[in-house]
Amino acid sequence: MGAAAEMLGVSPAFLRALGAAKLIEPKRSSGGHRRYSRYQLRLAARARELVDQGTPVEAACRIIILEDQLAEALRINNARERPAGH
């Protein structure tokens, strides 16, 4: 967690807050350390951007979840519009 927090320029408490808000749920190593995926780190970086702009953490997490859902829906729609093999 410390390395991830340092990489993102946030505190470990910020990453714990993102976990409490259910934005990211890191895996645990055998020693109990939190392990974040690249995807989770991207979400955390986006959360930091929003919080730095004055958005409360809980609202930032909800925005990111909605952005992610929209991107997935657009991906699915685009895949349906293109016939297979094109």
Protein backbone atom coordinates (compact mmCIF):
# COMPACT_ATOMS: atom_id res chain seq x y z
CA MET A 1 0.00 0.00 0.00
CA GLY A 2 2.81 2.40 0.83
CA ALA A 3 4.40 1.99 -2.59
CA ALA A 4 1.08 2.49 -4.37
CA ALA A 5 0.31 5.56 -2.28
CA GLU A 6 3.75 7.02 -2.98
CA MET A 7 3.43 6.33 -6.71
CA LEU A 8 0.09 8.16 -6.83
CA GLY A 9 1.13 10.95 -4.47
CA VAL A 10 -1.61 10.12 -1.97
CA SER A 11 -1.70 8.87 1.59
CA PRO A 12 -2.41 5.25 2.53
CA ALA A 13 -5.56 6.60 4.23
CA PHE A 14 -6.77 7.86 0.83
CA LEU A 15 -6.40 4.38 -0.65
CA ARG A 16 -8.21 2.89 2.34
CA ALA A 17 -11.03 5.42 1.78
CA LEU A 18 -11.32 4.28 -1.84
CA GLY A 19 -11.57 0.70 -0.57
CA ALA A 20 -14.24 1.68 1.97
CA ALA A 21 -16.19 3.37 -0.85
CA LYS A 22 -15.93 0.08 -2.82
CA LEU A 23 -14.07 1.70 -5.73
CA ILE A 24 -11.06 -0.59 -5.43
CA GLU A 25 -10.64 -3.84 -3.53
CA PRO A 26 -7.00 -4.90 -3.62
CA LYS A 27 -5.89 -8.49 -3.40
CA ARG A 28 -3.86 -9.50 -0.36
CA SER A 29 -0.42 -11.07 -0.43
CA SER A 30 0.33 -14.08 1.74
CA GLY A 31 1.83 -11.61 4.22
CA GLY A 32 -1.40 -9.57 4.29
CA HIS A 33 -0.12 -6.66 2.20
CA ARG A 34 -2.52 -4.97 -0.20
CA ARG A 35 -1.71 -5.56 -3.88
CA TYR A 36 -3.23 -3.19 -6.44
CA SER A 37 -3.67 -3.97 -10.13
CA ARG A 38 -2.78 -1.44 -12.81
CA TYR A 39 -6.48 -0.93 -13.42
CA GLN A 40 -7.06 -0.18 -9.73
CA LEU A 41 -4.16 2.27 -9.75
CA ARG A 42 -5.71 4.06 -12.75
CA LEU A 43 -9.00 4.33 -10.88
CA ALA A 44 -7.20 5.66 -7.81
CA ALA A 45 -5.36 8.24 -9.94
CA ARG A 46 -8.67 9.37 -11.43
CA ALA A 47 -10.14 9.63 -7.93
CA ARG A 48 -7.22 11.78 -6.88
CA GLU A 49 -7.85 14.11 -9.86
CA LEU A 50 -11.47 14.56 -8.85
CA VAL A 51 -10.68 15.04 -5.17
CA ASP A 52 -7.97 17.57 -6.05
CA GLN A 53 -10.70 19.49 -7.93
CA GLY A 54 -12.80 19.61 -4.76
CA THR A 55 -15.05 16.59 -5.23
CA PRO A 56 -15.73 14.63 -2.02
CA VAL A 57 -14.20 11.12 -2.03
CA GLU A 58 -17.55 9.31 -2.01
CA ALA A 59 -18.84 11.40 -4.92
CA ALA A 60 -15.59 10.91 -6.84
CA CYS A 61 -15.92 7.15 -6.45
CA ARG A 62 -19.50 7.22 -7.71
CA ILE A 63 -18.48 9.35 -10.71
CA ILE A 64 -15.69 6.91 -11.58
CA ILE A 65 -18.00 3.91 -11.30
CA LEU A 66 -20.49 5.60 -13.63
CA GLU A 67 -17.73 6.57 -16.08
CA ASP A 68 -16.55 2.96 -16.11
CA GLN A 69 -20.08 1.65 -16.69
CA LEU A 70 -20.59 4.11 -19.54
CA ALA A 71 -17.30 3.13 -21.18
CA GLU A 72 -18.27 -0.55 -20.98
CA ALA A 73 -21.73 0.12 -22.43
CA LEU A 74 -20.18 2.09 -25.30
CA ARG A 75 -17.71 -0.72 -25.94
CA ILE A 76 -20.54 -3.26 -26.09
CA ASN A 77 -22.64 -1.05 -28.39
CA ASN A 78 -19.69 -0.47 -30.72
CA ALA A 79 -19.00 -4.21 -30.87
CA ARG A 80 -22.65 -4.87 -31.79
CA GLU A 81 -22.62 -2.25 -34.53
CA ARG A 82 -19.61 -3.83 -36.26
CA PRO A 83 -20.36 -7.13 -37.99
CA ALA A 84 -18.02 -9.96 -37.11
CA GLY A 85 -14.88 -9.95 -39.22
CA HIS A 86 -14.93 -6.20 -39.94
